[in-house]
């Protein structure tokens, strides 16, 4: 009997609720029904909004509690929460108070996964770093399973995983917040204010991220960015073996940049890996991503395998993704940039002043840090969405005599038209919103795809 089968048996006879029939939970619901377990889905959406997903799950015998009051009758014994529902929501607090269990698809995956898990979190760069880890390991011949916050639930693959495989998982603060297990190798890219519409404050957000190493065991590895000021203030698990990444000095264990060359150090002995200039994806932030990923895979990949991938890796969709060149103007999609620090990294990836399209849903995070970089790297700023006033205010407050021309757009379609009209041969148009997408789109992927469609239609 597999670990997953044992888990199913442990909850057999209990009433089971799954909150949210989204991407991460739908495979879980299917697995529960395949195991012969009764499931009630609680979802804020009505049946017509769930569409085909409702029809498919209903055909499996799933019960539903739908609509605005979907949490009012949460009386089940075992509750799987959606990552988007805060673990301290009153309805979940009540479940625990009466002796019920609150868990998640990710928590269950960590419990039943038969192979080592390598996890990456952080505010910026976690998807690129996670993907690089996967590519490094795959090039080295490992059988790897890539998933988590990167968009693919891994629970359905558990029964096919072997102990010699590796699971590479991107983890969000939503997923980590109440986790009681940590990856064998964990990495934190950096920590900046984000998702403050969900977390009560920045401290809670940071605390959620630390769950990635809080439960590590002796021999487990934690890779950290030594140049990130917030990461430097964390209290680490004494069981974790710390590997640092830095551009400002050397390390005993980790990866560092010195005189343009990336070095790997282990027990104080350093060896050159590659010139940073040979990394295939642009931007100083991507040097960090390569360094972090290289530290994660130490002991499982050769230096040559890491270098081969780093030189040829073309990047991840929606991350400073080249869309097209039209009339001498290059258009880039950086829809993943849902916070000011991500957009700043995107701006610093180009040697010239450019046209920036920014703005979107307001996550209640500060924008004051964005004004100065915009003045330094942008000649025309086109803003749209709820955060447009905050972005404009940050530019107005910046100490610069060379401020960009600012244009307001009603929506992304108008923003692209304005950018096209303002652009001249040699220009770069970068859509890097510094904001979430939820005002107009389901997620940043949908926003990025729409931007690409708009650019291709010019």
Protein backbone atom coordinates (compact mmCIF):
# COMPACT_ATOMS: atom_id res chain seq x y z
CA UNK A 1 0.00 0.00 0.00
CA UNK A 2 1.41 3.38 -1.03
CA UNK A 3 1.61 6.37 1.32
CA UNK A 4 -1.28 8.00 -0.53
CA UNK A 5 -3.43 4.88 -0.21
CA UNK A 6 -2.65 4.76 3.52
CA UNK A 7 -3.76 8.36 3.82
CA UNK A 8 -7.05 7.64 2.06
CA UNK A 9 -7.67 4.81 4.51
CA UNK A 10 -6.89 7.08 7.46
CA UNK A 11 -9.72 9.46 6.53
CA UNK A 12 -12.21 6.88 5.31
CA UNK A 13 -15.49 7.26 7.17
CA UNK A 14 -14.92 10.98 7.72
CA UNK A 15 -16.76 13.81 6.03
CA UNK A 16 -14.46 15.64 3.63
CA UNK A 17 -14.66 19.20 2.31
CA UNK A 18 -12.55 20.81 -0.39
CA UNK A 19 -12.69 24.61 -0.46
CA UNK A 20 -12.37 25.85 -4.00
CA UNK A 21 -12.58 23.93 -7.25
CA UNK A 22 -9.60 25.69 -8.80
CA UNK A 23 -6.51 24.44 -10.64
CA UNK A 24 -4.73 23.07 -7.57
CA UNK A 25 -7.75 21.42 -5.95
CA UNK A 26 -9.56 19.83 -8.90
CA UNK A 27 -7.08 16.93 -9.26
CA UNK A 28 -7.36 16.41 -5.48
CA UNK A 29 -11.14 16.19 -5.73
CA UNK A 30 -10.86 13.63 -8.54
CA UNK A 31 -8.40 11.53 -6.52
CA UNK A 32 -10.65 11.59 -3.48
CA UNK A 33 -13.59 10.35 -5.51
CA UNK A 34 -11.47 7.68 -7.22
CA UNK A 35 -10.60 6.44 -3.73
CA UNK A 36 -14.31 6.13 -3.00
CA UNK A 37 -14.38 8.99 -0.51
CA UNK A 38 -17.34 11.40 -0.25
CA UNK A 39 -16.47 15.00 -1.11
CA UNK A 40 -18.31 18.27 -0.69
CA UNK A 41 -16.90 21.21 -2.62
CA UNK A 42 -17.41 24.66 -1.09
CA UNK A 43 -16.90 27.39 -3.68
CA UNK A 44 -17.84 31.06 -3.85
CA UNK A 45 -18.76 30.70 -7.52
CA UNK A 46 -22.13 29.44 -8.68
CA UNK A 47 -22.53 26.39 -10.93
CA UNK A 48 -22.75 28.41 -14.15
CA UNK A 49 -19.51 30.24 -13.32
CA UNK A 50 -17.72 26.94 -12.66
CA UNK A 51 -18.93 25.74 -16.05
CA UNK A 52 -17.63 22.42 -17.33
CA UNK A 53 -15.71 21.84 -14.10
CA UNK A 54 -18.99 21.73 -12.19
CA UNK A 55 -20.49 19.29 -14.69
CA UNK A 56 -17.46 17.00 -14.62
CA UNK A 57 -17.20 16.92 -10.83
CA UNK A 58 -20.94 16.47 -10.36
CA UNK A 59 -20.74 13.45 -12.67
CA UNK A 60 -18.20 11.96 -10.23
CA UNK A 61 -20.68 12.24 -7.39
CA UNK A 62 -19.29 15.40 -5.78
CA UNK A 63 -21.68 17.45 -3.61
CA UNK A 64 -21.57 21.25 -3.69
CA UNK A 65 -22.11 24.24 -1.43
CA UNK A 66 -21.94 27.29 -3.72
CA UNK A 67 -22.36 31.04 -3.57
CA UNK A 68 -21.51 33.87 -1.18
CA UNK A 69 -22.41 31.76 1.88
CA UNK A 70 -20.21 28.83 0.84
CA UNK A 71 -18.36 28.76 4.20
CA UNK A 72 -21.40 29.07 6.46
CA UNK A 73 -21.98 25.30 6.61
CA UNK A 74 -18.39 24.07 6.83
CA UNK A 75 -19.16 21.18 9.17
CA UNK A 76 -16.97 18.45 7.67
CA UNK A 77 -14.27 16.56 9.60
CA UNK A 78 -11.39 17.06 7.14
CA UNK A 79 -11.13 20.34 5.24
CA UNK A 80 -8.73 20.97 2.37
CA UNK A 81 -8.37 24.73 2.00
CA UNK A 82 -7.62 26.55 -1.23
CA UNK A 83 -4.33 28.51 -1.09
CA UNK A 84 -6.32 31.72 -1.56
CA UNK A 85 -8.21 31.30 1.73
CA UNK A 86 -6.27 32.54 4.73
CA UNK A 87 -5.59 29.71 7.25
CA UNK A 88 -6.89 31.95 10.04
CA UNK A 89 -10.22 32.65 8.37
CA UNK A 90 -12.93 32.39 11.08
CA UNK A 91 -14.56 29.44 9.32
CA UNK A 92 -11.29 27.47 9.45
CA UNK A 93 -10.62 28.51 13.04
CA UNK A 94 -14.03 27.10 13.92
CA UNK A 95 -13.23 23.80 12.18
CA UNK A 96 -10.10 23.38 14.30
CA UNK A 97 -11.94 24.44 17.49
CA UNK A 98 -14.42 21.57 17.15
CA UNK A 99 -11.64 19.05 16.52
CA UNK A 100 -11.66 19.03 12.73
CA UNK A 101 -8.55 18.93 10.54
CA UNK A 102 -7.56 21.72 8.16
CA UNK A 103 -5.00 20.75 5.55
CA UNK A 104 -4.22 21.42 1.88
CA UNK A 105 -3.34 19.72 -1.36
CA UNK A 106 0.30 20.82 -0.93
CA UNK A 107 0.48 19.63 2.67
CA UNK A 108 -0.81 16.22 1.57
CA UNK A 109 1.70 16.08 -1.27
CA UNK A 110 4.57 16.68 1.16
CA UNK A 111 3.21 13.95 3.42
CA UNK A 112 2.94 11.24 0.75
CA UNK A 113 5.69 12.15 -1.76
CA UNK A 114 8.10 9.18 -1.95
CA UNK A 115 11.11 11.13 -3.25
CA UNK A 116 13.19 14.13 -2.14
CA UNK A 117 11.53 17.52 -2.60
CA UNK A 118 13.46 20.60 -3.69
CA UNK A 119 11.44 23.76 -2.97
CA UNK A 120 11.84 27.40 -4.00
CA UNK A 121 10.04 30.44 -2.64
CA UNK A 122 10.62 34.19 -2.50
CA UNK A 123 9.06 37.44 -3.68
CA UNK A 124 10.87 37.66 -7.02
CA UNK A 125 12.49 35.14 -9.33
CA UNK A 126 11.07 31.96 -7.82
CA UNK A 127 9.53 30.64 -11.05
CA UNK A 128 12.69 31.18 -13.09
CA UNK A 129 14.83 29.69 -10.31
CA UNK A 130 12.50 26.69 -9.95
CA UNK A 131 12.54 26.10 -13.70
CA UNK A 132 16.33 26.35 -13.82
CA UNK A 133 16.61 23.78 -11.01
CA UNK A 134 14.37 21.45 -13.01
CA UNK A 135 16.35 22.02 -16.23
CA UNK A 136 19.70 21.48 -14.49
CA UNK A 137 18.51 18.20 -12.96
CA UNK A 138 16.89 16.98 -16.15
CA UNK A 139 20.08 17.67 -18.10
CA UNK A 140 21.92 15.61 -15.48
CA UNK A 141 19.64 12.65 -16.21
CA UNK A 142 17.40 12.76 -13.14
CA UNK A 143 13.70 11.91 -13.40
CA UNK A 144 12.07 15.10 -12.13
CA UNK A 145 8.54 16.27 -11.44
CA UNK A 146 7.95 20.03 -11.72
CA UNK A 147 4.95 21.66 -10.07
CA UNK A 148 3.37 23.58 -7.24
CA UNK A 149 2.73 27.31 -7.55
CA UNK A 150 4.31 27.16 -11.00
CA UNK A 151 0.91 25.93 -12.18
CA UNK A 152 0.81 22.14 -11.96
CA UNK A 153 -0.39 20.11 -8.96
CA UNK A 154 1.91 17.12 -8.34
CA UNK A 155 -0.39 15.04 -6.17
CA UNK A 156 -1.76 13.09 -9.19
CA UNK A 157 1.81 11.98 -10.03
CA UNK A 158 2.64 10.60 -6.58
CA UNK A 159 1.72 6.99 -7.34
CA UNK A 160 4.10 6.95 -10.34
CA UNK A 161 7.02 8.60 -8.50
CA UNK A 162 10.00 6.51 -7.49
CA UNK A 163 12.20 7.07 -4.42
CA UNK A 164 15.08 7.89 -6.80
CA UNK A 165 13.06 10.66 -8.52
CA UNK A 166 13.14 14.34 -7.53
CA UNK A 167 10.19 16.70 -7.04
CA UNK A 168 10.92 20.35 -7.86
CA UNK A 169 8.29 22.61 -6.32
CA UNK A 170 7.63 26.33 -6.40
CA UNK A 171 5.91 27.45 -3.19
CA UNK A 172 3.89 30.60 -2.53
CA UNK A 173 3.30 32.23 0.84
CA UNK A 174 -0.34 31.08 0.53
CA UNK A 175 0.77 27.45 0.28
CA UNK A 176 3.47 27.70 2.94
CA UNK A 177 1.54 29.53 5.61
CA UNK A 178 0.37 26.52 7.60
CA UNK A 179 2.80 23.89 6.30
CA UNK A 180 4.19 21.44 8.84
CA UNK A 181 6.82 19.97 6.52
CA UNK A 182 9.79 21.41 4.64
CA UNK A 183 11.70 20.40 1.48
CA UNK A 184 14.98 18.49 1.63
CA UNK A 185 16.54 21.44 -0.19
CA UNK A 186 14.86 24.84 0.22
CA UNK A 187 15.66 28.20 -1.37
CA UNK A 188 14.47 31.75 -0.66
CA UNK A 189 15.25 34.13 -3.53
CA UNK A 190 14.43 37.38 -1.65
CA UNK A 191 11.71 38.93 0.50
CA UNK A 192 9.98 42.22 -0.35
CA UNK A 193 6.46 43.48 0.47
CA UNK A 194 3.86 41.49 -1.47
CA UNK A 195 0.32 40.13 -1.12
CA UNK A 196 -0.56 42.57 1.65
CA UNK A 197 -4.19 42.32 0.57
CA UNK A 198 -4.02 38.73 1.89
CA UNK A 199 -1.52 38.88 4.75
CA UNK A 200 -2.30 41.16 7.69
CA UNK A 201 1.17 42.73 7.40
CA UNK A 202 4.65 42.21 5.97
CA UNK A 203 5.76 40.35 9.08
CA UNK A 204 3.09 37.70 8.54
CA UNK A 205 4.13 37.38 4.89
CA UNK A 206 7.77 36.86 5.89
CA UNK A 207 6.77 34.38 8.59
CA UNK A 208 4.81 32.37 6.02
CA UNK A 209 7.87 32.14 3.79
CA UNK A 210 10.02 30.78 6.64
CA UNK A 211 7.92 27.62 6.76
CA UNK A 212 9.97 26.44 3.79
CA UNK A 213 12.84 25.69 6.19
CA UNK A 214 11.18 25.64 9.62
CA UNK A 215 10.74 21.85 9.59
CA UNK A 216 13.99 20.86 7.91
CA UNK A 217 15.96 17.98 9.38
CA UNK A 218 19.73 17.55 9.90
CA UNK A 219 21.43 17.24 6.52
CA UNK A 220 18.80 19.34 4.72
CA UNK A 221 19.98 22.42 2.83
CA UNK A 222 18.71 26.01 2.84
CA UNK A 223 19.87 28.32 0.05
CA UNK A 224 19.53 32.04 0.80
CA UNK A 225 20.29 35.33 -0.92
CA UNK A 226 22.89 36.95 1.34
CA UNK A 227 22.41 40.30 -0.41
CA UNK A 228 18.73 40.55 0.54
CA UNK A 229 18.34 42.71 3.67
CA UNK A 230 15.18 41.00 4.93
CA UNK A 231 16.58 37.49 4.54
CA UNK A 232 19.58 38.55 6.65
CA UNK A 233 17.26 39.19 9.63
CA UNK A 234 15.66 35.71 9.69
CA UNK A 235 16.17 33.16 12.44
CA UNK A 236 17.19 29.96 10.69
CA UNK A 237 16.54 26.38 11.64
CA UNK A 238 19.74 25.08 13.31
CA UNK A 239 19.21 21.76 11.51
CA UNK A 240 19.55 23.43 8.10
CA UNK A 241 22.86 23.51 6.27
CA UNK A 242 23.05 27.12 5.03
CA UNK A 243 24.31 27.86 1.53
CA UNK A 244 24.59 31.54 0.61
CA UNK A 245 24.51 33.37 -2.70
CA UNK A 246 26.08 36.80 -3.03
CA UNK A 247 27.61 39.34 -5.38
CA UNK A 248 29.37 41.08 -2.48
CA UNK A 249 32.10 38.80 -1.26
CA UNK A 250 32.89 35.12 -0.91
CA UNK A 251 31.19 32.31 1.02
CA UNK A 252 32.19 29.12 2.77
CA UNK A 253 29.32 27.19 1.20
CA UNK A 254 27.36 28.57 -1.71
CA UNK A 255 27.71 30.51 -4.94
CA UNK A 256 29.18 33.96 -5.42
CA UNK A 257 30.05 36.45 -8.16
CA UNK A 258 33.51 37.99 -8.27
CA UNK A 259 35.06 40.01 -11.10
CA UNK A 260 32.35 38.87 -13.49
CA UNK A 261 32.79 35.16 -12.80
CA UNK A 262 30.44 32.88 -10.88
CA UNK A 263 32.14 30.62 -8.34
CA UNK A 264 30.87 27.62 -6.38
CA UNK A 265 32.28 27.15 -2.86
CA UNK A 266 32.03 24.08 -0.69
CA UNK A 267 33.73 23.80 2.70
CA UNK A 268 35.77 26.85 1.80
CA UNK A 269 37.15 25.45 -1.46
CA UNK A 270 36.03 27.53 -4.47
CA UNK A 271 36.00 26.72 -8.17
CA UNK A 272 34.98 28.85 -11.17
CA UNK A 273 31.66 27.91 -12.76
CA UNK A 274 31.21 30.37 -15.65
CA UNK A 275 31.37 34.04 -16.63
CA UNK A 276 28.10 35.73 -15.74
CA UNK A 277 28.09 37.31 -19.20
CA UNK A 278 27.48 33.88 -20.75
CA UNK A 279 24.09 33.44 -19.05
CA UNK A 280 21.48 33.23 -21.80
CA UNK A 281 18.68 35.28 -20.20
CA UNK A 282 19.20 39.05 -19.72
CA UNK A 283 19.20 40.98 -16.46
CA UNK A 284 21.22 41.20 -13.27
CA UNK A 285 18.37 39.50 -11.39
CA UNK A 286 18.78 36.44 -13.59
CA UNK A 287 22.40 36.11 -12.46
CA UNK A 288 20.99 35.65 -8.96
CA UNK A 289 18.46 33.12 -10.28
CA UNK A 290 21.21 31.05 -11.89
CA UNK A 291 23.35 31.26 -8.75
CA UNK A 292 20.47 30.19 -6.51
CA UNK A 293 19.54 27.28 -8.78
CA UNK A 294 23.17 26.16 -9.02
CA UNK A 295 23.38 26.07 -5.21
CA UNK A 296 20.16 24.03 -4.96
CA UNK A 297 21.42 21.29 -7.31
CA UNK A 298 24.90 20.86 -5.84
CA UNK A 299 25.67 17.18 -5.38
CA UNK A 300 23.20 16.22 -8.10
CA UNK A 301 24.62 17.98 -11.19
CA UNK A 302 28.07 18.56 -12.64
CA UNK A 303 29.33 22.05 -13.33
CA UNK A 304 29.33 21.29 -17.08
CA UNK A 305 25.64 20.36 -16.98
CA UNK A 306 24.77 23.59 -15.16
CA UNK A 307 26.75 25.70 -17.64
CA UNK A 308 25.15 24.00 -20.66
CA UNK A 309 21.67 24.92 -19.45
CA UNK A 310 22.58 28.42 -18.20
CA UNK A 311 23.99 29.32 -21.63
CA UNK A 312 20.98 28.10 -23.61
CA UNK A 313 17.99 28.62 -21.29
CA UNK A 314 15.64 31.08 -23.01
CA UNK A 315 13.60 32.03 -19.97
CA UNK A 316 10.03 31.42 -18.84
CA UNK A 317 6.89 32.75 -20.53
CA UNK A 318 5.68 36.14 -19.23
CA UNK A 319 9.09 36.98 -17.75
CA UNK A 320 10.74 39.65 -19.93
CA UNK A 321 9.53 37.54 -22.85
CA UNK A 322 10.31 38.91 -26.30
CA UNK A 323 7.05 39.18 -28.27
CA UNK A 324 7.94 40.75 -31.61
CA UNK A 325 9.81 43.53 -33.38
CA UNK A 326 7.64 45.92 -35.40
CA UNK A 327 8.95 48.91 -37.31
CA UNK A 328 12.21 48.74 -35.36
CA UNK A 329 10.43 48.61 -31.97
CA UNK A 330 10.85 45.57 -29.69
CA UNK A 331 7.95 44.52 -27.46
CA UNK A 332 8.44 42.52 -24.24
CA UNK A 333 5.91 40.78 -22.00
CA UNK A 334 6.79 40.87 -18.28
CA UNK A 335 3.31 40.12 -16.96
CA UNK A 336 4.75 38.14 -14.02
CA UNK A 337 5.88 41.48 -12.54
CA UNK A 338 3.12 41.90 -9.97
CA UNK A 339 5.16 44.02 -7.54
CA UNK A 340 7.46 47.07 -7.81
CA UNK A 341 10.66 45.07 -7.21
CA UNK A 342 9.89 42.76 -10.12
CA UNK A 343 9.31 45.72 -12.43
CA UNK A 344 12.52 47.39 -11.25
CA UNK A 345 14.43 44.22 -12.15
CA UNK A 346 12.81 44.27 -15.59
CA UNK A 347 13.74 47.93 -16.16
CA UNK A 348 17.34 47.23 -15.20
CA UNK A 349 17.56 44.47 -17.80
CA UNK A 350 17.73 46.98 -20.68
CA UNK A 351 20.59 49.42 -21.39
CA UNK A 352 18.30 52.17 -22.70
CA UNK A 353 15.35 54.24 -21.59
CA UNK A 354 12.12 52.60 -22.68
CA UNK A 355 8.35 52.79 -22.83
CA UNK A 356 6.74 51.17 -19.78
CA UNK A 357 3.16 49.94 -19.49
CA UNK A 358 2.28 49.53 -15.80
CA UNK A 359 -0.65 49.30 -13.41
CA UNK A 360 -3.35 46.88 -12.36
CA UNK A 361 -4.96 45.40 -9.25
CA UNK A 362 -3.93 46.92 -5.91
CA UNK A 363 -2.47 44.40 -3.41
CA UNK A 364 -2.04 47.20 -0.86
CA UNK A 365 1.75 47.21 -1.14
CA UNK A 366 3.89 50.38 -1.18
CA UNK A 367 5.01 51.89 -4.49
CA UNK A 368 7.39 54.59 -3.28
CA UNK A 369 10.45 52.54 -4.34
CA UNK A 370 9.33 52.55 -7.97
CA UNK A 371 9.53 56.26 -8.80
CA UNK A 372 13.30 56.71 -8.98
CA UNK A 373 13.96 53.63 -11.17
CA UNK A 374 11.18 54.74 -13.54
CA UNK A 375 12.83 58.14 -13.88
CA UNK A 376 16.17 56.46 -14.58
CA UNK A 377 14.96 53.86 -17.09
CA UNK A 378 11.71 55.12 -18.67
CA UNK A 379 11.08 57.95 -21.13
CA UNK A 380 7.34 57.28 -21.57
CA UNK A 381 5.14 55.80 -18.84
CA UNK A 382 1.67 54.50 -19.70
CA UNK A 383 -0.45 53.63 -16.66
CA UNK A 384 -3.76 51.86 -16.24
CA UNK A 385 -5.73 50.15 -13.48
CA UNK A 386 -6.22 50.76 -9.76
CA UNK A 387 -2.53 51.25 -8.99
CA UNK A 388 -2.03 53.96 -11.63
CA UNK A 389 -2.34 56.82 -9.08
CA UNK A 390 0.20 55.18 -6.77
CA UNK A 391 2.68 54.68 -9.62
CA UNK A 392 2.24 58.28 -10.77
CA UNK A 393 2.67 59.54 -7.21
CA UNK A 394 5.92 57.61 -6.84
CA UNK A 395 7.26 59.29 -9.99
CA UNK A 396 6.13 62.73 -8.82
CA UNK A 397 7.93 62.24 -5.49
CA UNK A 398 11.16 61.00 -7.09
CA UNK A 399 14.16 63.32 -6.89
CA UNK A 400 14.84 63.58 -10.60
CA UNK A 401 14.94 66.35 -13.17
CA UNK A 402 14.43 63.84 -15.99
CA UNK A 403 10.94 62.48 -15.47
CA UNK A 404 9.06 60.46 -18.07
CA UNK A 405 6.08 61.58 -20.12
CA UNK A 406 3.03 60.00 -18.46
CA UNK A 407 -0.09 58.89 -20.30
CA UNK A 408 -3.26 57.40 -18.82
CA UNK A 409 -5.00 54.44 -20.50
CA UNK A 410 -8.47 53.10 -19.83
CA UNK A 411 -7.31 49.50 -20.23
CA UNK A 412 -4.47 47.35 -21.54
CA UNK A 413 -5.70 47.55 -25.14
CA UNK A 414 -5.53 51.34 -25.09
CA UNK A 415 -2.15 51.18 -23.33
CA UNK A 416 -0.71 49.12 -26.18
CA UNK A 417 -2.14 51.53 -28.76
CA UNK A 418 -0.61 54.49 -26.93
CA UNK A 419 2.75 52.72 -26.67
CA UNK A 420 2.71 51.92 -30.38
CA UNK A 421 1.94 55.55 -31.22
CA UNK A 422 4.71 56.85 -28.94
CA UNK A 423 7.39 54.37 -30.05
CA UNK A 424 10.14 55.20 -32.53
CA UNK A 425 12.61 52.83 -34.24
CA UNK A 426 15.06 51.50 -31.66
CA UNK A 427 12.59 51.76 -28.78
CA UNK A 428 11.66 49.01 -26.33
CA UNK A 429 8.08 48.65 -25.08
CA UNK A 430 7.93 46.73 -21.81
CA UNK A 431 4.65 45.62 -20.24
CA UNK A 432 5.72 45.18 -16.62
CA UNK A 433 2.70 46.11 -14.47
CA UNK A 434 4.19 46.17 -10.93
CA UNK A 435 0.69 45.08 -9.97
CA UNK A 436 -1.50 41.99 -9.81
CA UNK A 437 -3.87 41.17 -12.65
CA UNK A 438 -7.10 40.43 -10.79
CA UNK A 439 -8.85 43.68 -11.74
CA UNK A 440 -9.32 42.49 -15.33
CA UNK A 441 -7.81 39.00 -15.64
CA UNK A 442 -7.88 35.63 -13.89
CA UNK A 443 -4.11 35.64 -13.47
CA UNK A 444 -0.88 37.09 -14.85
CA UNK A 445 -0.75 34.40 -17.56
CA UNK A 446 -4.06 35.51 -19.04
CA UNK A 447 -2.89 39.12 -18.91
CA UNK A 448 0.38 38.24 -20.64
CA UNK A 449 -1.34 36.26 -23.39
CA UNK A 450 -3.75 39.12 -24.03
CA UNK A 451 -0.85 41.57 -24.24
CA UNK A 452 0.86 39.34 -26.78
CA UNK A 453 -2.32 39.13 -28.84
CA UNK A 454 -2.62 42.91 -28.79
CA UNK A 455 0.99 43.35 -29.91
CA UNK A 456 0.68 40.75 -32.67
CA UNK A 457 -2.41 42.55 -33.98
CA UNK A 458 -0.65 45.91 -34.38
